[in-house]
Amino acid sequence: FKVSKKLNRWYDHGAGKGGNVIDLICLINGTSVKE
């Protein structure tokens, strides 16, 4: 699981998915964008 500090983006090579911090927190916690 790689985090680019310059771009502030993440990519999970094992899962083949990535995104920004909002995407990440939503995925980890199963929460809505609002939460």
PDB file of all heavy atoms in Angstrom:
ATOM      1  N   PHE A   1       0.860  -1.185   0.000  1.00  0.00           N
ATOM      2  CA  PHE A   1       0.000   0.000   0.000  1.00  0.00           C
ATOM      3  C   PHE A   1       0.898   1.237   0.000  1.00  0.00           C
ATOM      4  O   PHE A   1       1.605   1.518   0.969  1.00  0.00           O
ATOM      5  CB  PHE A   1      -0.903  -0.012   1.239  1.00  0.00           C
ATOM      6  CG  PHE A   1      -1.952   1.067   1.262  1.00  0.00           C
ATOM      7  CD1 PHE A   1      -3.224   0.830   0.772  1.00  0.00           C
ATOM      8  CD2 PHE A   1      -1.658   2.323   1.784  1.00  0.00           C
ATOM      9  CE1 PHE A   1      -4.194   1.820   0.809  1.00  0.00           C
ATOM     10  CE2 PHE A   1      -2.614   3.318   1.824  1.00  0.00           C
ATOM     11  CZ  PHE A   1      -3.886   3.067   1.329  1.00  0.00           C
ATOM     12  N   LYS A   2       0.860   1.974  -1.102  1.00  0.00           N
ATOM     13  CA  LYS A   2       1.773   3.109  -1.283  1.00  0.00           C
ATOM     14  C   LYS A   2       1.040   4.439  -1.142  1.00  0.00           C
ATOM     15  O   LYS A   2      -0.063   4.610  -1.649  1.00  0.00           O
ATOM     16  CB  LYS A   2       2.426   3.042  -2.666  1.00  0.00           C
ATOM     17  CG  LYS A   2       3.335   4.207  -2.996  1.00  0.00           C
ATOM     18  CD  LYS A   2       3.881   4.084  -4.415  1.00  0.00           C
ATOM     19  CE  LYS A   2       4.698   5.304  -4.804  1.00  0.00           C
ATOM     20  NZ  LYS A   2       5.205   5.196  -6.194  1.00  0.00           N
ATOM     21  N   VAL A   3       1.677   5.378  -0.452  1.00  0.00           N
ATOM     22  CA  VAL A   3       1.156   6.734  -0.335  1.00  0.00           C
ATOM     23  C   VAL A   3       2.177   7.699  -0.925  1.00  0.00           C
ATOM     24  O   VAL A   3       3.336   7.721  -0.506  1.00  0.00           O
ATOM     25  CB  VAL A   3       0.885   7.113   1.139  1.00  0.00           C
ATOM     26  CG1 VAL A   3       0.513   8.592   1.251  1.00  0.00           C
ATOM     27  CG2 VAL A   3      -0.225   6.252   1.715  1.00  0.00           C
ATOM     28  N   SER A   4       1.756   8.468  -1.905  1.00  0.00           N
ATOM     29  CA  SER A   4       2.595   9.520  -2.481  1.00  0.00           C
ATOM     30  C   SER A   4       2.422  10.781  -1.647  1.00  0.00           C
ATOM     31  O   SER A   4       1.324  11.352  -1.593  1.00  0.00           O
ATOM     32  CB  SER A   4       2.211   9.791  -3.933  1.00  0.00           C
ATOM     33  OG  SER A   4       2.842  10.979  -4.397  1.00  0.00           O
ATOM     34  N   LYS A   5       3.476  11.209  -0.991  1.00  0.00           N
ATOM     35  CA  LYS A   5       3.395  12.407  -0.163  1.00  0.00           C
ATOM     36  C   LYS A   5       3.237  13.663  -1.009  1.00  0.00           C
ATOM     37  O   LYS A   5       2.558  14.612  -0.607  1.00  0.00           O
ATOM     38  CB  LYS A   5       4.640  12.513   0.717  1.00  0.00           C
ATOM     39  CG  LYS A   5       4.783  11.377   1.731  1.00  0.00           C
ATOM     40  CD  LYS A   5       6.023  11.567   2.581  1.00  0.00           C
ATOM     41  CE  LYS A   5       6.184  10.440   3.589  1.00  0.00           C
ATOM     42  NZ  LYS A   5       7.402  10.614   4.422  1.00  0.00           N
ATOM     43  N   LYS A   6       3.858  13.658  -2.181  1.00  0.00           N
ATOM     44  CA  LYS A   6       3.798  14.825  -3.064  1.00  0.00           C
ATOM     45  C   LYS A   6       2.396  15.028  -3.619  1.00  0.00           C
ATOM     46  O   LYS A   6       1.854  16.134  -3.626  1.00  0.00           O
ATOM     47  CB  LYS A   6       4.795  14.668  -4.207  1.00  0.00           C
ATOM     48  CG  LYS A   6       4.835  15.852  -5.167  1.00  0.00           C
ATOM     49  CD  LYS A   6       5.872  15.640  -6.249  1.00  0.00           C
ATOM     50  CE  LYS A   6       5.895  16.832  -7.211  1.00  0.00           C
ATOM     51  NZ  LYS A   6       6.908  16.640  -8.280  1.00  0.00           N
ATOM     52  N   LEU A   7       1.779  13.926  -4.065  1.00  0.00           N
ATOM     53  CA  LEU A   7       0.447  14.008  -4.671  1.00  0.00           C
ATOM     54  C   LEU A   7      -0.666  13.856  -3.639  1.00  0.00           C
ATOM     55  O   LEU A   7      -1.823  14.191  -3.930  1.00  0.00           O
ATOM     56  CB  LEU A   7       0.302  12.923  -5.743  1.00  0.00           C
ATOM     57  CG  LEU A   7       1.281  12.979  -6.910  1.00  0.00           C
ATOM     58  CD1 LEU A   7       1.072  11.783  -7.835  1.00  0.00           C
ATOM     59  CD2 LEU A   7       1.132  14.288  -7.688  1.00  0.00           C
ATOM     60  N   ASN A   8      -0.314  13.349  -2.459  1.00  0.00           N
ATOM     61  CA  ASN A   8      -1.299  13.014  -1.428  1.00  0.00           C
ATOM     62  C   ASN A   8      -2.364  12.069  -1.998  1.00  0.00           C
ATOM     63  O   ASN A   8      -3.569  12.279  -1.862  1.00  0.00           O
ATOM     64  CB  ASN A   8      -1.964  14.269  -0.852  1.00  0.00           C
ATOM     65  CG  ASN A   8      -2.608  13.990   0.509  1.00  0.00           C
ATOM     66  OD1 ASN A   8      -2.100  13.207   1.298  1.00  0.00           O
ATOM     67  ND2 ASN A   8      -3.739  14.634   0.772  1.00  0.00           N
ATOM     68  N   ARG A   9      -1.875  11.006  -2.612  1.00  0.00           N
ATOM     69  CA  ARG A   9      -2.739   9.960  -3.176  1.00  0.00           C
ATOM     70  C   ARG A   9      -2.221   8.605  -2.701  1.00  0.00           C
ATOM     71  O   ARG A   9      -1.054   8.449  -2.365  1.00  0.00           O
ATOM     72  CB  ARG A   9      -2.709   9.997  -4.712  1.00  0.00           C
ATOM     73  CG  ARG A   9      -3.101  11.324  -5.317  1.00  0.00           C
ATOM     74  CD  ARG A   9      -4.583  11.506  -5.419  1.00  0.00           C
ATOM     75  NE  ARG A   9      -5.177  10.604  -6.407  1.00  0.00           N
ATOM     76  CZ  ARG A   9      -6.442  10.648  -6.799  1.00  0.00           C
ATOM     77  NH1 ARG A   9      -7.262  11.546  -6.249  1.00  0.00           N
ATOM     78  NH2 ARG A   9      -6.914   9.824  -7.694  1.00  0.00           N
ATOM     79  N   TRP A  10      -3.121   7.625  -2.698  1.00  0.00           N
ATOM     80  CA  TRP A  10      -2.748   6.290  -2.280  1.00  0.00           C
ATOM     81  C   TRP A  10      -3.055   5.287  -3.370  1.00  0.00           C
ATOM     82  O   TRP A  10      -3.920   5.516  -4.230  1.00  0.00           O
ATOM     83  CB  TRP A  10      -3.491   5.885  -0.999  1.00  0.00           C
ATOM     84  CG  TRP A  10      -5.001   5.854  -1.148  1.00  0.00           C
ATOM     85  CD1 TRP A  10      -5.858   6.901  -0.998  1.00  0.00           C
ATOM     86  CD2 TRP A  10      -5.813   4.726  -1.518  1.00  0.00           C
ATOM     87  NE1 TRP A  10      -7.151   6.511  -1.237  1.00  0.00           N
ATOM     88  CE2 TRP A  10      -7.158   5.178  -1.560  1.00  0.00           C
ATOM     89  CE3 TRP A  10      -5.548   3.395  -1.820  1.00  0.00           C
ATOM     90  CZ2 TRP A  10      -8.221   4.333  -1.886  1.00  0.00           C
ATOM     91  CZ3 TRP A  10      -6.599   2.545  -2.144  1.00  0.00           C
ATOM     92  CH2 TRP A  10      -7.914   3.013  -2.162  1.00  0.00           C
ATOM     93  N   TYR A  11      -2.333   4.163  -3.348  1.00  0.00           N
ATOM     94  CA  TYR A  11      -2.614   3.081  -4.285  1.00  0.00           C
ATOM     95  C   TYR A  11      -2.282   1.755  -3.616  1.00  0.00           C
ATOM     96  O   TYR A  11      -1.179   1.547  -3.105  1.00  0.00           O
ATOM     97  CB  TYR A  11      -1.800   3.214  -5.567  1.00  0.00           C
ATOM     98  CG  TYR A  11      -2.225   2.211  -6.625  1.00  0.00           C
ATOM     99  CD1 TYR A  11      -3.379   2.436  -7.383  1.00  0.00           C
ATOM    100  CD2 TYR A  11      -1.509   1.038  -6.833  1.00  0.00           C
ATOM    101  CE1 TYR A  11      -3.799   1.517  -8.340  1.00  0.00           C
ATOM    102  CE2 TYR A  11      -1.924   0.118  -7.783  1.00  0.00           C
ATOM    103  CZ  TYR A  11      -3.064   0.357  -8.520  1.00  0.00           C
ATOM    104  OH  TYR A  11      -3.486  -0.554  -9.461  1.00  0.00           O
ATOM    105  N   ASP A  12      -3.264   0.858  -3.598  1.00  0.00           N
ATOM    106  CA  ASP A  12      -3.087  -0.477  -3.046  1.00  0.00           C
ATOM    107  C   ASP A  12      -2.775  -1.418  -4.206  1.00  0.00           C
ATOM    108  O   ASP A  12      -3.664  -1.780  -4.979  1.00  0.00           O
ATOM    109  CB  ASP A  12      -4.366  -0.912  -2.321  1.00  0.00           C
ATOM    110  CG  ASP A  12      -4.188  -2.211  -1.557  1.00  0.00           C
ATOM    111  OD1 ASP A  12      -3.399  -3.064  -2.002  1.00  0.00           O
ATOM    112  OD2 ASP A  12      -4.836  -2.373  -0.505  1.00  0.00           O
ATOM    113  N   HIS A  13      -1.504  -1.798  -4.334  1.00  0.00           N
ATOM    114  CA  HIS A  13      -1.080  -2.625  -5.465  1.00  0.00           C
ATOM    115  C   HIS A  13      -1.716  -4.007  -5.428  1.00  0.00           C
ATOM    116  O   HIS A  13      -1.999  -4.600  -6.481  1.00  0.00           O
ATOM    117  CB  HIS A  13       0.443  -2.752  -5.474  1.00  0.00           C
ATOM    118  CG  HIS A  13       1.149  -1.492  -5.874  1.00  0.00           C
ATOM    119  ND1 HIS A  13       1.457  -1.190  -7.180  1.00  0.00           N
ATOM    120  CD2 HIS A  13       1.561  -0.445  -5.133  1.00  0.00           C
ATOM    121  CE1 HIS A  13       2.064  -0.011  -7.236  1.00  0.00           C
ATOM    122  NE2 HIS A  13       2.142   0.470  -6.003  1.00  0.00           N
ATOM    123  N   GLY A  14      -1.941  -4.536  -4.222  1.00  0.00           N
ATOM    124  CA  GLY A  14      -2.547  -5.859  -4.130  1.00  0.00           C
ATOM    125  C   GLY A  14      -4.006  -5.876  -4.536  1.00  0.00           C
ATOM    126  O   GLY A  14      -4.489  -6.843  -5.125  1.00  0.00           O
ATOM    127  N   ALA A  15      -4.709  -4.769  -4.236  1.00  0.00           N
ATOM    128  CA  ALA A  15      -6.135  -4.681  -4.573  1.00  0.00           C
ATOM    129  C   ALA A  15      -6.370  -4.019  -5.917  1.00  0.00           C
ATOM    130  O   ALA A  15      -7.464  -4.111  -6.475  1.00  0.00           O
ATOM    131  CB  ALA A  15      -6.874  -3.905  -3.483  1.00  0.00           C
ATOM    132  N   GLY A  16      -5.354  -3.322  -6.437  1.00  0.00           N
ATOM    133  CA  GLY A  16      -5.488  -2.652  -7.721  1.00  0.00           C
ATOM    134  C   GLY A  16      -6.415  -1.450  -7.681  1.00  0.00           C
ATOM    135  O   GLY A  16      -7.137  -1.164  -8.640  1.00  0.00           O
ATOM    136  N   LYS A  17      -6.422  -0.730  -6.565  1.00  0.00           N
ATOM    137  CA  LYS A  17      -7.277   0.447  -6.444  1.00  0.00           C
ATOM    138  C   LYS A  17      -6.536   1.555  -5.711  1.00  0.00           C
ATOM    139  O   LYS A  17      -5.577   1.301  -4.981  1.00  0.00           O
ATOM    140  CB  LYS A  17      -8.574   0.112  -5.718  1.00  0.00           C
ATOM    141  CG  LYS A  17      -8.389  -0.306  -4.258  1.00  0.00           C
ATOM    142  CD  LYS A  17      -9.719  -0.498  -3.528  1.00  0.00           C
ATOM    143  CE  LYS A  17     -10.498  -1.677  -4.080  1.00  0.00           C
ATOM    144  NZ  LYS A  17     -11.720  -1.951  -3.272  1.00  0.00           N
ATOM    145  N   GLY A  18      -6.995   2.784  -5.907  1.00  0.00           N
ATOM    146  CA  GLY A  18      -6.346   3.925  -5.260  1.00  0.00           C
ATOM    147  C   GLY A  18      -7.285   5.111  -5.249  1.00  0.00           C
ATOM    148  O   GLY A  18      -8.437   5.031  -5.671  1.00  0.00           O
ATOM    149  N   GLY A  19      -6.788   6.242  -4.759  1.00  0.00           N
ATOM    150  CA  GLY A  19      -7.616   7.438  -4.725  1.00  0.00           C
ATOM    151  C   GLY A  19      -7.085   8.487  -3.775  1.00  0.00           C
ATOM    152  O   GLY A  19      -5.901   8.507  -3.433  1.00  0.00           O
ATOM    153  N   ASN A  20      -7.994   9.352  -3.308  1.00  0.00           N
ATOM    154  CA  ASN A  20      -7.605  10.413  -2.386  1.00  0.00           C
ATOM    155  C   ASN A  20      -7.957  10.027  -0.951  1.00  0.00           C
ATOM    156  O   ASN A  20      -8.449   8.927  -0.688  1.00  0.00           O
ATOM    157  CB  ASN A  20      -8.264  11.739  -2.789  1.00  0.00           C
ATOM    158  CG  ASN A  20      -9.786  11.648  -2.807  1.00  0.00           C
ATOM    159  OD1 ASN A  20     -10.397  11.057  -1.914  1.00  0.00           O
ATOM    160  ND2 ASN A  20     -10.407  12.213  -3.835  1.00  0.00           N
ATOM    161  N   VAL A  21      -7.742  10.950  -0.030  1.00  0.00           N
ATOM    162  CA  VAL A  21      -7.939  10.628   1.377  1.00  0.00           C
ATOM    163  C   VAL A  21      -9.415  10.377   1.714  1.00  0.00           C
ATOM    164  O   VAL A  21      -9.740   9.542   2.571  1.00  0.00           O
ATOM    165  CB  VAL A  21      -7.357  11.747   2.269  1.00  0.00           C
ATOM    166  CG1 VAL A  21      -8.152  13.037   2.134  1.00  0.00           C
ATOM    167  CG2 VAL A  21      -7.291  11.309   3.731  1.00  0.00           C
ATOM    168  N   ILE A  22     -10.311  11.077   1.028  1.00  0.00           N
ATOM    169  CA  ILE A  22     -11.745  10.870   1.288  1.00  0.00           C
ATOM    170  C   ILE A  22     -12.159   9.462   0.862  1.00  0.00           C
ATOM    171  O   ILE A  22     -12.854   8.758   1.607  1.00  0.00           O
ATOM    172  CB  ILE A  22     -12.583  11.919   0.540  1.00  0.00           C
ATOM    173  CG1 ILE A  22     -12.220  13.325   1.021  1.00  0.00           C
ATOM    174  CG2 ILE A  22     -14.078  11.670   0.744  1.00  0.00           C
ATOM    175  CD1 ILE A  22     -12.890  14.438   0.246  1.00  0.00           C
ATOM    176  N   ASP A  23     -11.699   9.053  -0.322  1.00  0.00           N
ATOM    177  CA  ASP A  23     -11.989   7.687  -0.790  1.00  0.00           C
ATOM    178  C   ASP A  23     -11.481   6.657   0.212  1.00  0.00           C
ATOM    179  O   ASP A  23     -12.161   5.667   0.518  1.00  0.00           O
ATOM    180  CB  ASP A  23     -11.313   7.428  -2.137  1.00  0.00           C
ATOM    181  CG  ASP A  23     -11.737   8.409  -3.211  1.00  0.00           C
ATOM    182  OD1 ASP A  23     -12.904   8.828  -3.189  1.00  0.00           O
ATOM    183  OD2 ASP A  23     -10.896   8.750  -4.059  1.00  0.00           O
ATOM    184  N   LEU A  24     -10.279   6.909   0.721  1.00  0.00           N
ATOM    185  CA  LEU A  24      -9.633   5.956   1.615  1.00  0.00           C
ATOM    186  C   LEU A  24     -10.410   5.776   2.916  1.00  0.00           C
ATOM    187  O   LEU A  24     -10.691   4.648   3.336  1.00  0.00           O
ATOM    188  CB  LEU A  24      -8.208   6.431   1.922  1.00  0.00           C
ATOM    189  CG  LEU A  24      -7.395   5.554   2.871  1.00  0.00           C
ATOM    190  CD1 LEU A  24      -7.207   4.170   2.291  1.00  0.00           C
ATOM    191  CD2 LEU A  24      -6.041   6.208   3.161  1.00  0.00           C
ATOM    192  N   ILE A  25     -10.773   6.877   3.558  1.00  0.00           N
ATOM    193  CA  ILE A  25     -11.489   6.793   4.833  1.00  0.00           C
ATOM    194  C   ILE A  25     -12.863   6.159   4.641  1.00  0.00           C
ATOM    195  O   ILE A  25     -13.321   5.368   5.468  1.00  0.00           O
ATOM    196  CB  ILE A  25     -11.620   8.177   5.485  1.00  0.00           C
ATOM    197  CG1 ILE A  25     -10.238   8.807   5.683  1.00  0.00           C
ATOM    198  CG2 ILE A  25     -12.336   8.076   6.824  1.00  0.00           C
ATOM    199  CD1 ILE A  25      -9.278   7.957   6.474  1.00  0.00           C
ATOM    200  N   CYS A  26     -13.515   6.503   3.548  1.00  0.00           N
ATOM    201  CA  CYS A  26     -14.820   5.891   3.260  1.00  0.00           C
ATOM    202  C   CYS A  26     -14.696   4.370   3.139  1.00  0.00           C
ATOM    203  O   CYS A  26     -15.527   3.628   3.662  1.00  0.00           O
ATOM    204  CB  CYS A  26     -15.400   6.468   1.969  1.00  0.00           C
ATOM    205  SG  CYS A  26     -16.007   8.162   2.089  1.00  0.00           S
ATOM    206  N   LEU A  27     -13.639   3.921   2.460  1.00  0.00           N
ATOM    207  CA  LEU A  27     -13.448   2.491   2.251  1.00  0.00           C
ATOM    208  C   LEU A  27     -13.087   1.767   3.542  1.00  0.00           C
ATOM    209  O   LEU A  27     -13.617   0.691   3.840  1.00  0.00           O
ATOM    210  CB  LEU A  27     -12.347   2.263   1.205  1.00  0.00           C
ATOM    211  CG  LEU A  27     -12.755   2.466  -0.251  1.00  0.00           C
ATOM    212  CD1 LEU A  27     -11.527   2.448  -1.154  1.00  0.00           C
ATOM    213  CD2 LEU A  27     -13.721   1.357  -0.683  1.00  0.00           C
ATOM    214  N   ILE A  28     -12.160   2.349   4.313  1.00  0.00           N
ATOM    215  CA  ILE A  28     -11.700   1.687   5.538  1.00  0.00           C
ATOM    216  C   ILE A  28     -12.839   1.544   6.546  1.00  0.00           C
ATOM    217  O   ILE A  28     -13.029   0.488   7.150  1.00  0.00           O
ATOM    218  CB  ILE A  28     -10.527   2.455   6.175  1.00  0.00           C
ATOM    219  CG1 ILE A  28      -9.277   2.353   5.290  1.00  0.00           C
ATOM    220  CG2 ILE A  28     -10.210   1.907   7.577  1.00  0.00           C
ATOM    221  CD1 ILE A  28      -8.089   3.159   5.804  1.00  0.00           C
ATOM    222  N   ASN A  29     -13.599   2.631   6.727  1.00  0.00           N
ATOM    223  CA  ASN A  29     -14.614   2.640   7.775  1.00  0.00           C
ATOM    224  C   ASN A  29     -16.028   2.343   7.289  1.00  0.00           C
ATOM    225  O   ASN A  29     -16.942   2.215   8.099  1.00  0.00           O
ATOM    226  CB  ASN A  29     -14.608   4.001   8.490  1.00  0.00           C
ATOM    227  CG  ASN A  29     -13.370   4.192   9.329  1.00  0.00           C
ATOM    228  OD1 ASN A  29     -12.963   3.295  10.052  1.00  0.00           O
ATOM    229  ND2 ASN A  29     -12.753   5.345   9.221  1.00  0.00           N
ATOM    230  N   GLY A  30     -16.211   2.258   5.970  1.00  0.00           N
ATOM    231  CA  GLY A  30     -17.546   2.018   5.447  1.00  0.00           C
ATOM    232  C   GLY A  30     -18.491   3.173   5.727  1.00  0.00           C
ATOM    233  O   GLY A  30     -19.688   2.970   5.937  1.00  0.00           O
ATOM    234  N   THR A  31     -17.958   4.381   5.756  1.00  0.00           N
ATOM    235  CA  THR A  31     -18.750   5.561   6.081  1.00  0.00           C
ATOM    236  C   THR A  31     -19.081   6.361   4.826  1.00  0.00           C
ATOM    237  O   THR A  31     -18.476   6.186   3.778  1.00  0.00           O
ATOM    238  CB  THR A  31     -17.990   6.464   7.062  1.00  0.00           C
ATOM    239  OG1 THR A  31     -16.659   6.676   6.564  1.00  0.00           O
ATOM    240  CG2 THR A  31     -17.891   5.834   8.431  1.00  0.00           C
ATOM    241  N   SER A  32     -20.038   7.247   4.955  1.00  0.00           N
ATOM    242  CA  SER A  32     -20.429   8.112   3.854  1.00  0.00           C
ATOM    243  C   SER A  32     -19.429   9.248   3.698  1.00  0.00           C
ATOM    244  O   SER A  32     -18.624   9.516   4.595  1.00  0.00           O
ATOM    245  CB  SER A  32     -21.821   8.700   4.115  1.00  0.00           C
ATOM    246  OG  SER A  32     -21.771   9.603   5.210  1.00  0.00           O
ATOM    247  N   VAL A  33     -19.503   9.934   2.563  1.00  0.00           N
ATOM    248  CA  VAL A  33     -18.640  11.089   2.345  1.00  0.00           C
ATOM    249  C   VAL A  33     -18.909  12.153   3.405  1.00  0.00           C
ATOM    250  O   VAL A  33     -17.985  12.776   3.933  1.00  0.00           O
ATOM    251  CB  VAL A  33     -18.855  11.673   0.933  1.00  0.00           C
ATOM    252  CG1 VAL A  33     -18.121  13.003   0.770  1.00  0.00           C
ATOM    253  CG2 VAL A  33     -18.380  10.683  -0.129  1.00  0.00           C
ATOM    254  N   LYS A  34     -20.161  12.350   3.755  1.00  0.00           N
ATOM    255  CA  LYS A  34     -20.520  13.356   4.753  1.00  0.00           C
ATOM    256  C   LYS A  34     -19.879  13.052   6.108  1.00  0.00           C
ATOM    257  O   LYS A  34     -19.326  13.938   6.763  1.00  0.00           O
ATOM    258  CB  LYS A  34     -22.040  13.418   4.892  1.00  0.00           C
ATOM    259  CG  LYS A  34     -22.523  14.479   5.883  1.00  0.00           C
ATOM    260  CD  LYS A  34     -24.036  14.507   5.941  1.00  0.00           C
ATOM    261  CE  LYS A  34     -24.517  15.559   6.949  1.00  0.00           C
ATOM    262  NZ  LYS A  34     -25.999  15.595   7.030  1.00  0.00           N
ATOM    263  N   GLU A  35     -19.954  11.773   6.543  1.00  0.00           N
ATOM    264  CA  GLU A  35     -19.349  11.383   7.817  1.00  0.00           C
ATOM    265  C   GLU A  35     -17.830  11.542   7.780  1.00  0.00           C
ATOM    266  O   GLU A  35     -17.207  11.996   8.744  1.00  0.00           O
ATOM    267  CB  GLU A  35     -19.725   9.940   8.151  1.00  0.00           C
ATOM    268  CG  GLU A  35     -21.170   9.758   8.555  1.00  0.00           C
ATOM    269  CD  GLU A  35     -21.529   8.293   8.716  1.00  0.00           C
ATOM    270  OE1 GLU A  35     -21.137   7.479   7.864  1.00  0.00           O
ATOM    271  OE2 GLU A  35     -22.203   7.972   9.702  1.00  0.00           O
TER     272      GLU A  35
END
